[in-house]
N, C-alpha and C. Protein backbone atom coordinates (compact mmCIF):
# COMPACT_ATOMS: atom_id res chain seq x y z
N MET A 1 0.88 -1.16 0.01
CA MET A 1 0.10 -0.06 0.16
C MET A 1 0.94 1.24 -0.16
N THR A 2 0.71 2.27 -0.85
CA THR A 2 1.36 3.42 -1.01
C THR A 2 0.91 4.48 0.00
N GLU A 3 1.85 5.11 0.56
CA GLU A 3 1.48 6.22 1.56
C GLU A 3 1.06 7.51 0.77
N GLN A 4 -0.06 8.14 1.18
CA GLN A 4 -0.31 9.43 0.46
C GLN A 4 0.33 10.44 1.28
N LYS A 5 1.01 11.41 0.41
CA LYS A 5 1.69 12.55 0.74
C LYS A 5 0.72 13.76 1.17
N ASP A 6 0.97 14.55 2.11
CA ASP A 6 0.12 15.74 2.26
C ASP A 6 0.47 16.76 1.21
N PRO A 7 -0.74 17.09 0.57
CA PRO A 7 -0.53 18.10 -0.59
C PRO A 7 0.27 19.52 -0.27
N LEU A 8 0.00 19.96 0.80
CA LEU A 8 0.71 21.05 1.35
C LEU A 8 2.17 21.05 1.46
N LEU A 9 2.58 19.74 2.15
CA LEU A 9 3.99 19.51 2.17
C LEU A 9 4.62 19.35 0.85
N ILE A 10 3.84 18.87 -0.20
CA ILE A 10 4.32 18.63 -1.59
C ILE A 10 4.57 20.03 -2.18
N ALA A 11 3.62 20.98 -1.93
CA ALA A 11 3.46 22.30 -2.45
C ALA A 11 4.77 23.03 -1.91
N ARG A 12 5.05 22.88 -0.58
CA ARG A 12 6.03 23.55 0.16
C ARG A 12 7.43 23.22 -0.52
N TRP A 13 7.57 21.84 -0.63
CA TRP A 13 9.00 21.51 -1.34
C TRP A 13 9.10 22.02 -2.64
N ALA A 14 7.87 21.79 -3.36
CA ALA A 14 7.85 22.27 -4.84
C ALA A 14 8.34 23.84 -5.00
N LYS A 15 7.69 24.61 -4.17
CA LYS A 15 7.98 26.09 -4.04
C LYS A 15 9.46 26.23 -3.65
N ASN A 16 9.97 25.49 -2.59
CA ASN A 16 11.42 25.84 -2.28
C ASN A 16 12.28 25.49 -3.44
N LEU A 17 12.07 24.36 -4.10
CA LEU A 17 13.14 23.99 -5.11
C LEU A 17 12.83 24.84 -6.25
N SER A 18 11.65 25.23 -6.71
CA SER A 18 11.31 26.14 -7.75
C SER A 18 11.93 27.49 -7.63
N GLU A 19 11.85 28.04 -6.47
CA GLU A 19 12.65 29.40 -6.18
C GLU A 19 14.17 29.10 -6.23
N LEU A 20 14.69 28.21 -5.62
CA LEU A 20 16.14 27.99 -5.83
C LEU A 20 16.67 27.62 -7.26
N ASP A 21 15.84 26.87 -7.91
CA ASP A 21 16.17 26.62 -9.37
C ASP A 21 16.08 27.70 -10.33
N ARG A 22 15.00 28.61 -10.05
CA ARG A 22 15.05 30.03 -10.69
C ARG A 22 16.10 30.78 -10.48
N GLU A 23 16.59 30.96 -9.26
CA GLU A 23 17.83 31.60 -9.03
C GLU A 23 19.05 30.93 -9.69
N ILE A 24 19.10 29.67 -9.70
CA ILE A 24 20.24 28.93 -10.41
C ILE A 24 20.21 29.25 -11.99
N ALA A 25 19.02 29.33 -12.49
CA ALA A 25 18.92 29.63 -13.96
C ALA A 25 19.37 31.07 -14.18
N ARG A 26 19.02 31.98 -13.31
CA ARG A 26 19.21 33.28 -13.55
C ARG A 26 20.84 33.57 -13.42
N LEU A 27 21.43 32.92 -12.63
CA LEU A 27 22.83 32.99 -12.40
C LEU A 27 23.51 32.41 -13.60
N ALA A 28 23.02 31.35 -14.12
CA ALA A 28 23.57 30.54 -15.28
C ALA A 28 23.58 31.52 -16.33
N LEU A 29 22.26 32.12 -16.57
CA LEU A 29 22.18 33.18 -17.54
C LEU A 29 23.29 34.37 -17.54
N LEU A 30 23.55 34.90 -16.30
CA LEU A 30 24.49 35.93 -16.14
C LEU A 30 25.83 35.46 -16.66
N CYS A 31 26.18 34.17 -16.34
CA CYS A 31 27.49 33.70 -16.60
C CYS A 31 27.58 33.00 -17.87
N GLN A 32 26.31 32.96 -18.66
CA GLN A 32 26.27 32.18 -19.91
C GLN A 32 26.80 30.85 -19.85
N VAL A 33 26.10 30.15 -18.69
CA VAL A 33 26.38 28.77 -18.58
C VAL A 33 25.11 28.02 -19.17
N ARG A 34 25.27 27.07 -19.91
CA ARG A 34 24.23 26.21 -20.39
C ARG A 34 24.00 25.05 -19.50
N ILE A 35 23.29 25.38 -18.21
CA ILE A 35 23.40 24.50 -17.08
C ILE A 35 22.70 23.32 -17.34
N LEU A 36 21.87 23.14 -18.30
CA LEU A 36 21.14 21.78 -18.40
C LEU A 36 21.72 20.93 -19.38
N ASP A 37 22.79 21.44 -20.07
CA ASP A 37 23.64 20.53 -21.05
C ASP A 37 24.38 19.49 -20.24
N PRO A 38 24.48 18.44 -20.85
CA PRO A 38 25.25 17.27 -20.23
C PRO A 38 26.64 17.68 -19.65
N GLY A 39 26.76 17.27 -18.34
CA GLY A 39 27.88 17.42 -17.63
C GLY A 39 28.37 18.87 -17.09
N VAL A 40 27.42 19.65 -17.43
CA VAL A 40 27.76 21.21 -17.04
C VAL A 40 27.66 21.26 -15.62
N ILE A 41 26.50 20.75 -14.98
CA ILE A 41 26.34 20.98 -13.61
C ILE A 41 27.57 20.47 -12.75
N GLU A 42 28.05 19.16 -13.14
CA GLU A 42 29.12 18.63 -12.42
C GLU A 42 30.44 19.48 -12.60
N ARG A 43 30.54 20.10 -13.72
CA ARG A 43 31.78 21.07 -14.06
C ARG A 43 31.49 22.28 -13.21
N VAL A 44 30.34 22.92 -13.07
CA VAL A 44 30.08 23.94 -12.04
C VAL A 44 30.43 23.57 -10.57
N LEU A 45 29.87 22.35 -10.34
CA LEU A 45 30.18 21.87 -8.87
C LEU A 45 31.63 21.71 -8.58
N GLN A 46 32.46 21.50 -9.68
CA GLN A 46 34.02 21.28 -9.57
C GLN A 46 34.68 22.64 -9.74
N LYS A 47 33.82 23.84 -9.68
CA LYS A 47 34.39 25.20 -9.99
C LYS A 47 35.11 25.37 -11.23
N ASP A 48 34.68 24.70 -12.18
CA ASP A 48 35.20 24.84 -13.67
C ASP A 48 34.69 25.96 -14.32
N THR A 49 35.32 27.06 -14.37
CA THR A 49 34.85 28.37 -15.00
C THR A 49 34.88 28.26 -16.44
N SER A 50 35.59 27.13 -16.98
CA SER A 50 35.55 27.19 -18.54
C SER A 50 34.19 26.94 -19.16
N VAL A 51 33.18 26.59 -18.40
CA VAL A 51 31.84 26.43 -18.91
C VAL A 51 31.05 27.88 -18.98
N CYS A 52 31.66 28.96 -18.59
CA CYS A 52 31.23 30.17 -18.61
C CYS A 52 31.48 30.81 -19.88
N GLY A 53 30.30 31.47 -20.59
CA GLY A 53 30.41 32.09 -21.98
C GLY A 53 31.13 33.62 -21.49
N THR A 54 30.92 33.91 -20.38
CA THR A 54 31.37 35.40 -20.01
C THR A 54 31.83 35.21 -18.59
N PRO A 55 33.04 35.97 -18.26
CA PRO A 55 33.53 35.82 -16.97
C PRO A 55 32.71 36.62 -15.92
N ASN A 56 32.30 36.14 -14.77
CA ASN A 56 31.57 36.90 -13.87
C ASN A 56 31.90 36.07 -12.66
N PRO A 57 32.99 36.28 -11.91
CA PRO A 57 33.42 35.37 -10.66
C PRO A 57 32.45 35.43 -9.67
N LEU A 58 31.78 36.43 -9.29
CA LEU A 58 30.79 36.53 -8.16
C LEU A 58 29.62 35.72 -8.41
N ALA A 59 29.01 35.93 -9.82
CA ALA A 59 27.89 35.28 -10.09
C ALA A 59 28.18 33.66 -10.23
N PHE A 60 29.37 33.43 -10.74
CA PHE A 60 29.51 31.87 -10.75
C PHE A 60 29.83 31.23 -9.40
N ALA A 61 30.42 32.03 -8.53
CA ALA A 61 30.53 31.30 -7.01
C ALA A 61 29.17 31.41 -6.41
N ARG A 62 28.32 32.25 -6.66
CA ARG A 62 27.03 32.09 -6.09
C ARG A 62 26.12 31.01 -6.85
N LEU A 63 26.50 30.85 -8.29
CA LEU A 63 25.83 29.74 -8.91
C LEU A 63 26.39 28.37 -8.28
N HIS A 64 27.53 28.12 -8.02
CA HIS A 64 28.05 27.08 -7.37
C HIS A 64 27.37 26.74 -5.98
N ASP A 65 27.37 27.77 -5.27
CA ASP A 65 26.80 27.61 -3.95
C ASP A 65 25.32 27.29 -4.10
N MET A 66 24.48 27.95 -4.92
CA MET A 66 23.16 27.48 -5.25
C MET A 66 22.93 26.14 -5.53
N LEU A 67 23.80 25.68 -6.44
CA LEU A 67 23.77 24.16 -6.87
C LEU A 67 24.03 23.20 -5.59
N MET A 68 24.84 23.61 -4.93
CA MET A 68 25.08 22.98 -3.71
C MET A 68 24.00 22.75 -2.66
N MET A 69 23.31 23.98 -2.67
CA MET A 69 22.13 23.96 -1.82
C MET A 69 20.93 23.25 -2.51
N HIS A 70 20.87 23.28 -3.77
CA HIS A 70 19.80 22.54 -4.43
C HIS A 70 19.94 20.98 -4.21
N PHE A 71 21.12 20.44 -4.22
CA PHE A 71 21.28 19.14 -3.82
C PHE A 71 21.07 18.80 -2.45
N ALA A 72 21.47 19.50 -1.61
CA ALA A 72 20.94 19.45 -0.08
C ALA A 72 19.55 19.50 0.27
N ILE A 73 18.87 20.44 -0.43
CA ILE A 73 17.32 20.48 -0.34
C ILE A 73 16.77 19.32 -1.01
N ARG A 74 17.24 18.94 -2.20
CA ARG A 74 16.57 17.83 -2.92
C ARG A 74 16.80 16.44 -2.07
N GLU A 75 17.89 16.34 -1.55
CA GLU A 75 17.92 15.21 -0.65
C GLU A 75 16.93 15.08 0.40
N LYS A 76 16.63 16.32 1.09
CA LYS A 76 15.75 16.41 2.18
C LYS A 76 14.36 16.09 1.53
N ALA A 77 14.12 16.71 0.34
CA ALA A 77 12.82 16.61 -0.23
C ALA A 77 12.47 15.05 -0.53
N ALA A 78 13.52 14.42 -1.05
CA ALA A 78 13.34 12.91 -1.27
C ALA A 78 13.01 12.18 -0.04
N ASP A 79 13.94 12.63 1.05
CA ASP A 79 13.53 11.86 2.40
C ASP A 79 12.11 12.24 2.84
N ALA A 80 11.56 13.36 2.62
CA ALA A 80 10.29 13.72 3.13
C ALA A 80 9.18 13.31 2.10
N LEU A 81 9.39 13.17 0.82
CA LEU A 81 8.29 13.06 0.03
C LEU A 81 8.39 11.66 -0.77
N GLY A 82 9.68 11.18 -0.79
CA GLY A 82 9.98 9.86 -1.53
C GLY A 82 10.66 10.52 -2.84
N GLN A 83 11.35 9.56 -3.38
CA GLN A 83 12.30 9.73 -4.74
C GLN A 83 11.13 9.96 -5.89
N VAL A 84 10.11 9.25 -5.96
CA VAL A 84 9.21 9.35 -7.27
C VAL A 84 8.50 10.82 -7.26
N GLN A 85 8.07 11.28 -6.04
CA GLN A 85 7.38 12.59 -6.09
C GLN A 85 8.50 13.54 -6.23
N THR A 86 9.73 13.50 -5.62
CA THR A 86 10.65 14.58 -5.91
C THR A 86 11.04 14.57 -7.34
N VAL A 87 11.13 13.68 -7.99
CA VAL A 87 11.39 13.66 -9.53
C VAL A 87 10.17 14.24 -10.22
N VAL A 88 9.24 13.90 -9.83
CA VAL A 88 7.99 14.67 -10.53
C VAL A 88 7.99 16.21 -10.40
N ILE A 89 8.31 16.67 -9.16
CA ILE A 89 8.56 17.99 -8.89
C ILE A 89 9.66 18.71 -9.88
N GLU A 90 10.66 18.04 -9.87
CA GLU A 90 11.89 18.27 -10.62
C GLU A 90 11.73 18.46 -12.07
N ASP A 91 10.93 17.44 -12.62
CA ASP A 91 10.65 17.44 -14.08
C ASP A 91 9.77 18.83 -14.33
N TYR A 92 8.72 18.89 -13.49
CA TYR A 92 7.86 20.14 -13.75
C TYR A 92 8.71 21.48 -13.70
N ILE A 93 9.47 21.50 -12.75
CA ILE A 93 10.45 22.82 -12.73
C ILE A 93 11.25 22.95 -13.79
N ILE A 94 11.73 21.67 -14.31
CA ILE A 94 12.70 21.93 -15.48
C ILE A 94 11.97 22.27 -16.61
N GLU A 95 10.82 21.79 -16.80
CA GLU A 95 10.10 22.23 -18.05
C GLU A 95 9.58 23.71 -17.93
N ARG A 96 9.31 24.30 -16.63
CA ARG A 96 9.09 25.74 -16.56
C ARG A 96 10.36 26.53 -16.73
N LEU A 97 11.34 26.15 -16.24
CA LEU A 97 12.64 26.78 -16.54
C LEU A 97 13.02 26.88 -17.98
N LYS A 98 12.86 25.72 -18.72
CA LYS A 98 13.29 25.83 -20.11
C LYS A 98 12.30 26.86 -20.87
N LYS A 99 11.09 26.89 -20.40
CA LYS A 99 10.21 27.94 -21.28
C LYS A 99 10.75 29.42 -20.62
N SER A 100 11.07 29.65 -19.57
CA SER A 100 11.49 30.96 -18.92
C SER A 100 12.87 31.30 -19.49
N PHE A 101 13.70 30.24 -19.57
CA PHE A 101 15.22 30.47 -19.78
C PHE A 101 15.69 29.60 -21.04
N PRO A 102 15.22 29.74 -22.25
CA PRO A 102 15.36 28.81 -23.22
C PRO A 102 16.88 28.73 -23.63
N ASP A 103 17.76 29.46 -23.20
CA ASP A 103 19.17 29.25 -23.38
C ASP A 103 19.94 28.47 -22.33
N SER A 104 19.09 27.90 -21.47
CA SER A 104 19.80 27.13 -20.44
C SER A 104 20.38 25.83 -20.75
N GLY A 105 19.98 25.39 -22.05
CA GLY A 105 20.46 24.09 -22.19
C GLY A 105 19.38 23.16 -22.63
N GLU A 106 19.78 21.91 -22.76
CA GLU A 106 18.65 20.89 -23.24
C GLU A 106 18.68 19.80 -22.10
N TRP A 107 17.51 19.39 -21.80
CA TRP A 107 17.34 18.33 -20.66
C TRP A 107 16.10 17.73 -21.11
N PRO A 108 16.02 16.25 -21.14
CA PRO A 108 17.16 15.49 -21.16
C PRO A 108 18.08 15.78 -22.48
N PRO A 109 19.21 15.35 -22.38
CA PRO A 109 20.22 15.52 -23.58
C PRO A 109 19.64 14.78 -24.89
N ALA A 110 19.85 15.36 -25.83
CA ALA A 110 19.33 14.82 -27.09
C ALA A 110 20.20 13.50 -27.57
């Protein structure tokens, strides 16, 4: 039997992840980083500035920090909601971000 999750709890986690991911997309835009292209997130996490289309050290450092925070929050969301619900939330957020930030890269990769 599957456990039903509280819709308010799901909405709270979705809002937190959405706000954070919107800031990540904005910072990626400032640095001209195609954040959703394959391997780019890993390179940002390794502080590889070669993924930037334009130098912006402050924005890149914040982008790195926001990605670290995203993964910490995502882990907590998965613990609270379950992996499947967290993936559903992430897919929804990614689709919205692709519409708002069309130059953020392609996900899933072609």
